[in-house]
Amino acid sequence: MSRPSPPELLEETARLAYHFHWPLDTILDLEHADRRTFLREADALAYPYEE
């Protein structure tokens, strides 16, 4: 998996901070694949009836 671009990283970081209230250091310490997994979970929580 390739690394996210700076705008993608900012968007991912903002979404995780918003949904999980994690500090910046915690989010940035995650591997990209792990961030994507948590983003999918955040989306599932925010939009439970969408597939």
N, C-alpha and C. Protein backbone atom coordinates (compact mmCIF):
# COMPACT_ATOMS: atom_id res chain seq x y z
N MET A 1 0.84 -1.17 0.00
CA MET A 1 0.00 0.00 0.00
C MET A 1 0.89 1.24 0.00
N SER A 2 0.54 2.20 -0.81
CA SER A 2 1.33 3.43 -0.87
C SER A 2 0.96 4.36 0.28
N ARG A 3 1.85 5.28 0.55
CA ARG A 3 1.60 6.26 1.60
C ARG A 3 0.58 7.27 1.11
N PRO A 4 -0.21 7.83 2.02
CA PRO A 4 -1.18 8.84 1.61
C PRO A 4 -0.47 10.16 1.28
N SER A 5 -1.07 10.92 0.39
CA SER A 5 -0.55 12.25 0.10
C SER A 5 -0.82 13.14 1.32
N PRO A 6 -0.14 14.28 1.42
CA PRO A 6 -0.40 15.16 2.56
C PRO A 6 -1.87 15.55 2.73
N PRO A 7 -2.60 15.89 1.64
CA PRO A 7 -4.02 16.19 1.83
C PRO A 7 -4.83 14.98 2.32
N GLU A 8 -4.49 13.79 1.83
CA GLU A 8 -5.18 12.58 2.28
C GLU A 8 -4.89 12.30 3.76
N LEU A 9 -3.64 12.49 4.16
CA LEU A 9 -3.27 12.27 5.55
C LEU A 9 -4.01 13.25 6.46
N LEU A 10 -4.11 14.49 6.04
CA LEU A 10 -4.85 15.49 6.82
C LEU A 10 -6.31 15.09 6.96
N GLU A 11 -6.92 14.65 5.86
CA GLU A 11 -8.34 14.26 5.89
C GLU A 11 -8.53 13.04 6.79
N GLU A 12 -7.67 12.04 6.68
CA GLU A 12 -7.77 10.84 7.52
C GLU A 12 -7.60 11.21 8.99
N THR A 13 -6.62 12.05 9.27
CA THR A 13 -6.34 12.45 10.64
C THR A 13 -7.51 13.21 11.24
N ALA A 14 -8.07 14.12 10.48
CA ALA A 14 -9.20 14.90 10.96
C ALA A 14 -10.41 14.01 11.25
N ARG A 15 -10.68 13.06 10.36
CA ARG A 15 -11.82 12.16 10.58
C ARG A 15 -11.64 11.30 11.81
N LEU A 16 -10.44 10.75 12.00
CA LEU A 16 -10.20 9.92 13.18
C LEU A 16 -10.27 10.75 14.47
N ALA A 17 -9.71 11.93 14.45
CA ALA A 17 -9.76 12.80 15.63
C ALA A 17 -11.21 13.16 15.96
N TYR A 18 -11.99 13.44 14.94
CA TYR A 18 -13.39 13.81 15.14
C TYR A 18 -14.19 12.65 15.73
N HIS A 19 -14.06 11.47 15.14
CA HIS A 19 -14.88 10.33 15.55
C HIS A 19 -14.42 9.69 16.86
N PHE A 20 -13.10 9.58 17.06
CA PHE A 20 -12.59 8.84 18.21
C PHE A 20 -11.95 9.72 19.28
N HIS A 21 -11.77 11.02 18.99
CA HIS A 21 -11.19 11.96 19.94
C HIS A 21 -9.77 11.56 20.36
N TRP A 22 -9.04 11.01 19.40
CA TRP A 22 -7.66 10.60 19.66
C TRP A 22 -6.74 11.79 19.43
N PRO A 23 -5.65 11.88 20.19
CA PRO A 23 -4.68 12.95 19.94
C PRO A 23 -3.90 12.70 18.65
N LEU A 24 -3.34 13.76 18.13
CA LEU A 24 -2.61 13.71 16.86
C LEU A 24 -1.50 12.66 16.88
N ASP A 25 -0.71 12.62 17.94
CA ASP A 25 0.40 11.66 17.99
C ASP A 25 -0.09 10.21 17.86
N THR A 26 -1.20 9.91 18.49
CA THR A 26 -1.75 8.55 18.42
C THR A 26 -2.13 8.20 17.00
N ILE A 27 -2.79 9.12 16.33
CA ILE A 27 -3.24 8.88 14.96
C ILE A 27 -2.05 8.73 14.02
N LEU A 28 -1.07 9.61 14.15
CA LEU A 28 0.08 9.57 13.26
C LEU A 28 0.98 8.37 13.51
N ASP A 29 0.90 7.79 14.70
CA ASP A 29 1.69 6.58 14.99
C ASP A 29 1.10 5.33 14.34
N LEU A 30 -0.15 5.40 13.90
CA LEU A 30 -0.77 4.24 13.25
C LEU A 30 -0.17 4.01 11.86
N GLU A 31 -0.05 2.76 11.49
CA GLU A 31 0.31 2.42 10.11
C GLU A 31 -0.86 2.84 9.22
N HIS A 32 -0.56 3.13 7.96
CA HIS A 32 -1.61 3.58 7.04
C HIS A 32 -2.74 2.56 6.95
N ALA A 33 -2.42 1.29 6.85
CA ALA A 33 -3.47 0.26 6.76
C ALA A 33 -4.34 0.26 8.01
N ASP A 34 -3.75 0.47 9.17
CA ASP A 34 -4.53 0.52 10.40
C ASP A 34 -5.43 1.75 10.43
N ARG A 35 -4.91 2.89 9.97
CA ARG A 35 -5.75 4.10 9.89
C ARG A 35 -6.95 3.85 9.00
N ARG A 36 -6.72 3.19 7.86
CA ARG A 36 -7.82 2.91 6.93
C ARG A 36 -8.86 1.98 7.58
N THR A 37 -8.40 1.01 8.37
CA THR A 37 -9.32 0.12 9.07
C THR A 37 -10.18 0.90 10.06
N PHE A 38 -9.56 1.77 10.84
CA PHE A 38 -10.32 2.57 11.79
C PHE A 38 -11.24 3.56 11.08
N LEU A 39 -10.85 4.07 9.93
CA LEU A 39 -11.73 4.95 9.17
C LEU A 39 -12.97 4.21 8.69
N ARG A 40 -12.81 2.96 8.25
CA ARG A 40 -13.97 2.16 7.85
C ARG A 40 -14.91 1.96 9.03
N GLU A 41 -14.35 1.70 10.20
CA GLU A 41 -15.17 1.52 11.40
C GLU A 41 -15.88 2.83 11.77
N ALA A 42 -15.19 3.95 11.67
CA ALA A 42 -15.81 5.24 11.96
C ALA A 42 -16.96 5.50 11.00
N ASP A 43 -16.76 5.20 9.72
CA ASP A 43 -17.84 5.38 8.75
C ASP A 43 -19.02 4.47 9.06
N ALA A 44 -18.74 3.24 9.48
CA ALA A 44 -19.82 2.31 9.82
C ALA A 44 -20.61 2.82 11.02
N LEU A 45 -19.94 3.43 11.97
CA LEU A 45 -20.63 3.99 13.13
C LEU A 45 -21.43 5.24 12.75
N ALA A 46 -20.88 6.05 11.89
CA ALA A 46 -21.53 7.30 11.50
C ALA A 46 -22.69 7.07 10.53
N TYR A 47 -22.57 6.06 9.69
CA TYR A 47 -23.57 5.78 8.66
C TYR A 47 -23.95 4.30 8.73
N PRO A 48 -24.66 3.88 9.80
CA PRO A 48 -24.89 2.44 10.01
C PRO A 48 -25.78 1.77 8.98
N TYR A 49 -26.56 2.52 8.22
CA TYR A 49 -27.50 1.89 7.30
C TYR A 49 -27.05 1.95 5.85
N GLU A 50 -25.87 2.48 5.60
CA GLU A 50 -25.35 2.54 4.23
C GLU A 50 -24.46 1.34 3.97
N GLU A 51 -24.51 0.85 2.77
CA GLU A 51 -23.65 -0.28 2.40
C GLU A 51 -22.74 0.10 1.27
